[in-house]
Amino acid sequence: MASDVLRTLLHPFEVQALPLPAKGARTLFLGAEPGFRPPQGFDTTLHLVQGFRPSFRVLQSAGFAVEPRPSGVGYAGTLVLAGRHRGQNELRVAEALERTAPEGLIVVAGGKDDGIASLRKAAENHVVLDGYLPKYHGGVFWFRGPSDIQAAAALRANNPSSLVEGRFRTAPGMFSFEKIDVGSKLLTETLPSDLGGQVADFCAGWGYLSAEIVGRFPSVTGIDLYEADFESLEAAKVNVGAEKAELGFFWIDLTAEPVERRYDVIVMNPPFHRSRAAEPKIGAAIIRTAAKALRPGGRLFMVANRQLPYEATLASAFASHSELANDGKFKVLTAAIR
């Protein structure tokens, strides 16, 4: 079923405020989401972009041509679906400007709660909008691609990549892209001194945990990073030095795709929501995946918000578990396989 924001995106075509794309024309779709169903007569050749692995897999299974990063230029039109991150939204509009042919149609939609009004204002600072419609608790605006890329350059300049603590490259839209996550830092401070062997970092993000482990634990012989967000994993490839341990990088949905390798230690800071509401079942599914990926005697170390009820899942999936630290907001849990 299409979300409200997807319905908002297609609304101008459905009410004929915008003409349908020419048959066979190439259309780029940035931020494509599951549930996307083009309206009747929308016979363009679609190129979907989605870097979040679970959504990517659903779109791929639905038969769409989808990739984690955009490629190519000169698209006749571009659809942009805005999300919750202001900087990422502005960068998507910049991407659309760079990849759409001059005078090509660019259509941008988002929810009211996700800041579509501020995104519209940011776009208006650089391009002339041709139209706007509010619908389904959101809004959609559109404009024609300019003949130069000055607007795109300005939007990118407003949203540069970050250098966290002078060493970690991040970008808007990544988890904790402006500073080191407090929970992840607590986990690194709690890890035991005998950590070693083959390690996996589940939900690795842009690589903070792995970089700390590689730098602090000489007995670690290798570390594999597993992450669902494509751009975060690409950043981790830069952020984690390979001089002290062998590294592996896996773009994967840990709630649904199997882990083929086996490990002595798994560390993780699992997500607990995909929308605004807490979804502990995501972390619970990843805990179960971790239990299957550990060798006999293997150990799990994880951090979570204090109120999340992961202990029951740990009890069912592991031989033993305990709490190692609690700062009032976050708790560090450990569990062991027989």
Protein backbone atom coordinates (compact mmCIF):
# COMPACT_ATOMS: atom_id res chain seq x y z
CA MET A 1 0.00 0.00 0.00
CA ALA A 2 1.33 3.43 -0.97
CA SER A 3 2.22 5.83 1.84
CA ASP A 4 0.66 9.28 2.00
CA VAL A 5 3.84 10.90 0.74
CA LEU A 6 3.93 8.61 -2.32
CA ARG A 7 0.32 9.50 -3.06
CA THR A 8 1.19 13.17 -2.67
CA LEU A 9 4.05 12.80 -5.15
CA LEU A 10 1.79 11.37 -7.86
CA HIS A 11 -1.18 13.63 -7.14
CA PRO A 12 -0.30 16.35 -9.74
CA PHE A 13 -0.25 13.71 -12.49
CA GLU A 14 -3.51 12.13 -11.35
CA VAL A 15 -5.41 15.46 -11.34
CA GLN A 16 -3.72 16.53 -14.61
CA ALA A 17 -1.96 19.48 -13.05
CA LEU A 18 1.10 17.96 -14.75
CA PRO A 19 1.22 16.02 -18.04
CA LEU A 20 2.28 12.39 -17.94
CA PRO A 21 5.88 11.81 -19.05
CA ALA A 22 6.45 10.97 -22.69
CA LYS A 23 6.36 7.25 -23.42
CA GLY A 24 9.83 5.74 -23.13
CA ALA A 25 11.39 8.87 -21.63
CA ARG A 26 13.87 8.22 -18.83
CA THR A 27 12.74 9.27 -15.35
CA LEU A 28 14.90 9.18 -12.23
CA PHE A 29 13.24 8.56 -8.86
CA LEU A 30 15.33 9.58 -5.84
CA GLY A 31 14.27 8.19 -2.47
CA ALA A 32 11.87 5.66 -3.98
CA GLU A 33 9.77 3.76 -1.43
CA PRO A 34 7.95 0.42 -1.41
CA GLY A 35 4.32 0.80 -2.40
CA PHE A 36 5.12 2.94 -5.43
CA ARG A 37 2.57 2.35 -8.17
CA PRO A 38 2.77 4.67 -11.19
CA PRO A 39 -0.63 5.94 -12.40
CA GLN A 40 -2.17 4.62 -15.58
CA GLY A 41 -0.41 6.00 -18.63
CA PHE A 42 2.81 6.68 -16.73
CA ASP A 43 4.84 4.83 -19.37
CA THR A 44 8.23 6.38 -18.69
CA THR A 45 11.34 4.24 -18.22
CA LEU A 46 11.90 4.43 -14.48
CA HIS A 47 15.27 4.35 -12.72
CA LEU A 48 14.67 4.04 -8.96
CA VAL A 49 17.26 4.93 -6.32
CA GLN A 50 17.03 3.57 -2.78
CA GLY A 51 20.04 3.02 -0.51
CA PHE A 52 18.20 1.47 2.44
CA ARG A 53 18.57 -2.27 1.92
CA PRO A 54 15.11 -3.45 3.16
CA SER A 55 13.31 -0.96 0.91
CA PHE A 56 15.69 -1.72 -1.97
CA ARG A 57 14.84 -5.42 -1.76
CA VAL A 58 11.08 -4.80 -1.76
CA LEU A 59 11.31 -2.54 -4.81
CA GLN A 60 13.55 -5.01 -6.60
CA SER A 61 11.13 -7.86 -5.84
CA ALA A 62 8.32 -5.74 -7.30
CA GLY A 63 10.16 -5.71 -10.63
CA PHE A 64 11.57 -2.20 -10.64
CA ALA A 65 15.04 -1.27 -11.88
CA VAL A 66 16.57 0.03 -8.65
CA GLU A 67 20.09 0.91 -7.52
CA PRO A 68 21.55 2.20 -4.23
CA ARG A 69 23.18 5.23 -5.84
CA PRO A 70 22.05 7.31 -8.82
CA SER A 71 23.92 7.07 -12.09
CA GLY A 72 23.63 8.75 -15.46
CA VAL A 73 22.59 12.24 -16.50
CA GLY A 74 20.18 13.82 -18.94
CA TYR A 75 16.99 12.36 -17.48
CA ALA A 76 13.82 13.79 -18.98
CA GLY A 77 12.41 14.14 -15.47
CA THR A 78 13.11 13.35 -11.84
CA LEU A 79 10.87 12.48 -8.93
CA VAL A 80 12.16 13.27 -5.45
CA LEU A 81 10.64 11.81 -2.29
CA ALA A 82 11.70 13.79 0.77
CA GLY A 83 12.31 12.11 4.11
CA ARG A 84 12.96 13.24 7.68
CA HIS A 85 16.47 14.69 7.25
CA ARG A 86 16.63 18.28 6.02
CA GLY A 87 20.18 18.09 4.71
CA GLN A 88 19.58 14.82 2.90
CA ASN A 89 16.44 16.27 1.29
CA GLU A 90 18.31 19.29 0.00
CA LEU A 91 21.07 17.05 -1.35
CA ARG A 92 18.46 14.98 -3.20
CA VAL A 93 17.16 18.13 -4.86
CA ALA A 94 20.75 19.00 -5.79
CA GLU A 95 21.16 15.52 -7.26
CA ALA A 96 17.98 15.98 -9.28
CA LEU A 97 19.24 19.31 -10.64
CA GLU A 98 22.54 17.74 -11.68
CA ARG A 99 21.06 14.69 -13.38
CA THR A 100 17.97 16.14 -15.07
CA ALA A 101 18.22 17.59 -18.58
CA PRO A 102 17.69 21.37 -18.96
CA GLU A 103 13.96 22.10 -18.87
CA GLY A 104 13.32 18.59 -17.55
CA LEU A 105 10.56 18.33 -14.97
CA ILE A 106 11.56 17.88 -11.30
CA VAL A 107 8.77 16.95 -8.87
CA VAL A 108 9.41 16.97 -5.10
CA ALA A 109 7.03 15.71 -2.40
CA GLY A 110 7.16 15.23 1.34
CA GLY A 111 5.11 15.16 4.51
CA LYS A 112 4.27 18.23 6.56
CA ASP A 113 5.91 16.70 9.63
CA ASP A 114 9.05 15.95 7.61
CA GLY A 115 9.64 19.57 6.65
CA ILE A 116 8.32 19.83 3.12
CA ALA A 117 7.57 23.53 3.70
CA SER A 118 11.20 24.30 4.58
CA LEU A 119 12.43 22.22 1.64
CA ARG A 120 10.14 24.15 -0.68
CA LYS A 121 11.53 27.42 0.71
CA ALA A 122 15.12 26.21 0.24
CA ALA A 123 14.39 25.28 -3.37
CA GLU A 124 12.73 28.65 -4.02
CA ASN A 125 15.98 30.36 -3.03
CA HIS A 126 17.65 28.83 -6.10
CA VAL A 127 15.01 27.96 -8.72
CA VAL A 128 11.66 29.27 -9.91
CA LEU A 129 8.84 26.95 -8.87
CA ASP A 130 6.13 26.22 -11.43
CA GLY A 131 3.52 24.87 -9.02
CA TYR A 132 2.58 23.56 -5.60
CA LEU A 133 -0.27 21.40 -4.28
CA PRO A 134 -1.02 20.34 -0.68
CA LYS A 135 -2.42 16.84 -0.33
CA TYR A 136 -2.50 13.85 2.04
CA HIS A 137 -0.89 15.69 5.00
CA GLY A 138 1.96 16.80 2.79
CA GLY A 139 2.84 18.88 -0.21
CA VAL A 140 4.30 18.56 -3.69
CA PHE A 141 6.05 21.22 -5.75
CA TRP A 142 7.66 21.16 -9.16
CA PHE A 143 9.98 23.15 -11.38
CA ARG A 144 12.05 22.84 -14.54
CA GLY A 145 15.72 21.99 -14.47
CA PRO A 146 17.92 25.06 -15.13
CA SER A 147 20.54 25.15 -17.86
CA ASP A 148 23.38 25.43 -15.32
CA ILE A 149 24.20 23.71 -12.03
CA GLN A 150 24.65 26.77 -9.83
CA ALA A 151 21.51 25.91 -7.86
CA ALA A 152 22.79 22.40 -7.19
CA ALA A 153 26.19 23.73 -6.12
CA ALA A 154 24.53 26.14 -3.69
CA LEU A 155 22.43 23.39 -2.11
CA ARG A 156 25.49 21.17 -1.74
CA ALA A 157 27.47 24.02 -0.20
CA ASN A 158 24.73 24.41 2.41
CA ASN A 159 25.04 20.71 3.34
CA PRO A 160 28.71 19.71 3.33
CA SER A 161 29.99 16.40 4.57
CA SER A 162 31.05 16.37 8.22
CA LEU A 163 34.36 15.43 9.79
CA VAL A 164 33.48 14.12 13.24
CA GLU A 165 36.27 14.53 15.80
CA GLY A 166 38.62 15.32 12.95
CA ARG A 167 38.69 11.73 11.67
CA PHE A 168 35.28 10.34 10.66
CA ARG A 169 33.68 11.32 7.34
CA THR A 170 29.89 11.46 7.49
CA ALA A 171 27.04 13.09 5.57
CA PRO A 172 23.48 14.33 6.26
CA GLY A 173 20.99 11.49 6.60
CA MET A 174 23.37 9.07 8.28
CA PHE A 175 22.72 8.03 11.87
CA SER A 176 24.44 10.44 14.27
CA PHE A 177 26.28 12.15 11.41
CA GLU A 178 27.21 15.26 13.42
CA LYS A 179 28.72 13.62 16.50
CA ILE A 180 29.60 10.25 17.98
CA ASP A 181 26.51 8.53 19.36
CA VAL A 182 26.51 8.46 23.17
CA GLY A 183 25.32 4.85 23.30
CA SER A 184 28.02 3.66 20.90
CA LYS A 185 30.65 5.45 22.96
CA LEU A 186 29.40 3.75 26.13
CA LEU A 187 29.64 0.39 24.38
CA THR A 188 33.27 0.94 23.34
CA GLU A 189 34.17 1.97 26.89
CA THR A 190 32.56 -1.19 28.28
CA LEU A 191 34.11 -3.77 25.95
CA PRO A 192 36.37 -6.24 27.82
CA SER A 193 40.13 -6.14 27.39
CA ASP A 194 40.28 -9.73 26.11
CA LEU A 195 38.31 -8.94 22.94
CA GLY A 196 39.88 -10.76 20.01
CA GLY A 197 39.51 -13.08 17.05
CA GLN A 198 37.03 -12.57 14.24
CA VAL A 199 34.58 -9.75 14.99
CA ALA A 200 31.41 -8.57 13.29
CA ASP A 201 29.94 -5.10 13.68
CA PHE A 202 26.19 -5.32 13.09
CA CYS A 203 24.44 -2.06 12.14
CA ALA A 204 27.89 -0.57 11.69
CA GLY A 205 26.78 2.84 10.41
CA TRP A 206 29.71 4.97 9.28
CA GLY A 207 32.17 2.80 11.18
CA TYR A 208 32.78 4.31 14.61
CA LEU A 209 32.61 1.05 16.61
CA SER A 210 34.79 -0.82 14.13
CA ALA A 211 37.39 1.93 14.01
CA GLU A 212 37.64 1.93 17.80
CA ILE A 213 37.92 -1.85 17.97
CA VAL A 214 40.62 -1.99 15.31
CA GLY A 215 42.59 0.70 17.11
CA ARG A 216 42.24 -0.61 20.65
CA PHE A 217 42.26 -4.40 20.52
CA PRO A 218 45.39 -5.92 18.93
CA SER A 219 44.03 -9.47 19.29
CA VAL A 220 41.26 -8.74 16.76
CA THR A 221 42.35 -10.42 13.54
CA GLY A 222 39.49 -9.29 11.34
CA ILE A 223 36.28 -7.31 11.47
CA ASP A 224 33.30 -7.40 9.13
CA LEU A 225 30.89 -4.47 8.97
CA TYR A 226 27.20 -5.11 8.25
CA GLU A 227 24.98 -2.13 7.46
CA ALA A 228 21.62 -1.55 5.75
CA ASP A 229 22.31 2.05 4.68
CA PHE A 230 24.47 2.05 1.56
CA GLU A 231 25.98 5.52 1.98
CA SER A 232 26.89 4.87 5.62
CA LEU A 233 28.70 1.69 4.62
CA GLU A 234 30.59 3.56 1.90
CA ALA A 235 31.67 6.11 4.50
CA ALA A 236 32.81 3.29 6.80
CA LYS A 237 35.17 2.07 4.09
CA VAL A 238 37.00 5.39 4.46
CA ASN A 239 36.69 5.68 8.23
CA VAL A 240 37.96 2.28 9.33
CA GLY A 241 41.69 1.75 8.81
CA ALA A 242 42.72 -1.67 7.52
CA GLU A 243 46.34 -1.68 8.69
CA LYS A 244 45.71 -3.75 11.84
CA ALA A 245 42.96 -6.19 10.82
CA GLU A 246 41.30 -7.62 7.74
CA LEU A 247 38.07 -5.84 6.90
CA GLY A 248 34.87 -6.90 5.15
CA PHE A 249 31.87 -4.78 4.20
CA PHE A 250 28.35 -6.12 3.68
CA TRP A 251 25.31 -4.15 2.55
CA ILE A 252 22.61 -6.30 4.08
CA ASP A 253 19.23 -6.39 5.83
CA LEU A 254 20.09 -8.22 9.05
CA THR A 255 16.40 -8.79 9.83
CA ALA A 256 15.82 -10.79 6.65
CA GLU A 257 19.07 -11.83 4.94
CA PRO A 258 21.36 -14.57 6.27
CA VAL A 259 24.88 -13.98 7.53
CA GLU A 260 27.15 -16.57 5.95
CA ARG A 261 30.26 -16.11 8.12
CA ARG A 262 30.76 -17.08 11.78
CA TYR A 263 32.37 -14.94 14.48
CA ASP A 264 33.98 -15.00 17.90
CA VAL A 265 32.44 -11.64 18.83
CA ILE A 266 29.59 -9.52 17.53
CA VAL A 267 29.11 -5.90 18.60
CA MET A 268 26.09 -3.82 17.72
CA ASN A 269 24.00 -0.74 18.31
CA PRO A 270 20.79 -1.83 16.55
CA PRO A 271 18.14 0.62 15.33
CA PHE A 272 14.81 0.54 17.10
CA HIS A 273 12.63 2.48 14.68
CA ARG A 274 12.11 3.09 10.98
CA SER A 275 9.41 5.70 11.49
CA ARG A 276 8.84 7.85 14.56
CA ALA A 277 7.36 5.04 16.68
CA ALA A 278 9.65 2.64 18.53
CA GLU A 279 9.85 -0.83 16.96
CA PRO A 280 11.78 -3.14 19.32
CA LYS A 281 11.09 -6.08 16.99
CA ILE A 282 13.81 -4.76 14.66
CA GLY A 283 16.49 -5.10 17.33
CA ALA A 284 15.03 -8.44 18.46
CA ALA A 285 15.33 -9.84 14.92
CA ILE A 286 18.95 -8.69 14.69
CA ILE A 287 19.72 -10.31 18.06
CA ARG A 288 18.43 -13.61 16.71
CA THR A 289 20.58 -13.18 13.60
CA ALA A 290 23.60 -12.53 15.82
CA ALA A 291 22.98 -15.74 17.79
CA LYS A 292 23.10 -17.75 14.57
CA ALA A 293 26.28 -16.00 13.38
CA LEU A 294 28.38 -16.70 16.49
CA ARG A 295 30.69 -19.66 16.88
CA PRO A 296 30.36 -21.93 19.95
CA GLY A 297 31.54 -19.88 22.90
CA GLY A 298 31.01 -16.66 20.96
CA ARG A 299 29.91 -13.45 22.66
CA LEU A 300 27.55 -10.61 21.81
CA PHE A 301 28.00 -7.06 23.12
CA MET A 302 25.25 -4.56 22.39
CA VAL A 303 23.98 -1.18 23.50
CA ALA A 304 20.35 -0.11 23.61
CA ASN A 305 18.07 2.51 25.06
CA ARG A 306 17.37 1.61 28.67
CA GLN A 307 13.63 1.03 28.19
CA LEU A 308 13.88 -1.36 25.22
CA PRO A 309 12.87 -4.92 26.27
CA TYR A 310 15.61 -7.00 24.65
CA GLU A 311 16.35 -9.23 27.64
CA ALA A 312 13.61 -11.74 26.79
CA THR A 313 14.99 -12.19 23.28
CA LEU A 314 18.52 -12.61 24.64
CA ALA A 315 17.28 -15.23 27.09
CA SER A 316 15.61 -17.24 24.34
CA ALA A 317 18.49 -17.01 21.83
CA PHE A 318 21.56 -17.33 24.08
CA ALA A 319 22.79 -19.57 26.87
CA SER A 320 23.33 -16.62 29.20
CA HIS A 321 23.09 -12.85 29.25
CA SER A 322 23.74 -9.96 31.63
CA GLU A 323 23.93 -6.20 31.86
CA LEU A 324 27.43 -4.72 31.90
CA ALA A 325 26.70 -1.00 32.17
CA ASN A 326 23.83 1.46 32.52
CA ASP A 327 24.19 5.24 32.45
CA GLY A 328 20.50 5.94 33.02
CA LYS A 329 19.72 6.36 29.33
CA PHE A 330 21.59 3.47 27.69
CA LYS A 331 22.42 -0.05 28.79
CA VAL A 332 25.17 -2.35 27.58
CA LEU A 333 24.17 -6.00 27.39
CA THR A 334 26.25 -9.08 26.78
CA ALA A 335 25.25 -12.63 25.88
CA ALA A 336 27.10 -15.86 25.21
CA ILE A 337 26.55 -18.93 23.03
CA ARG A 338 27.19 -22.34 24.52
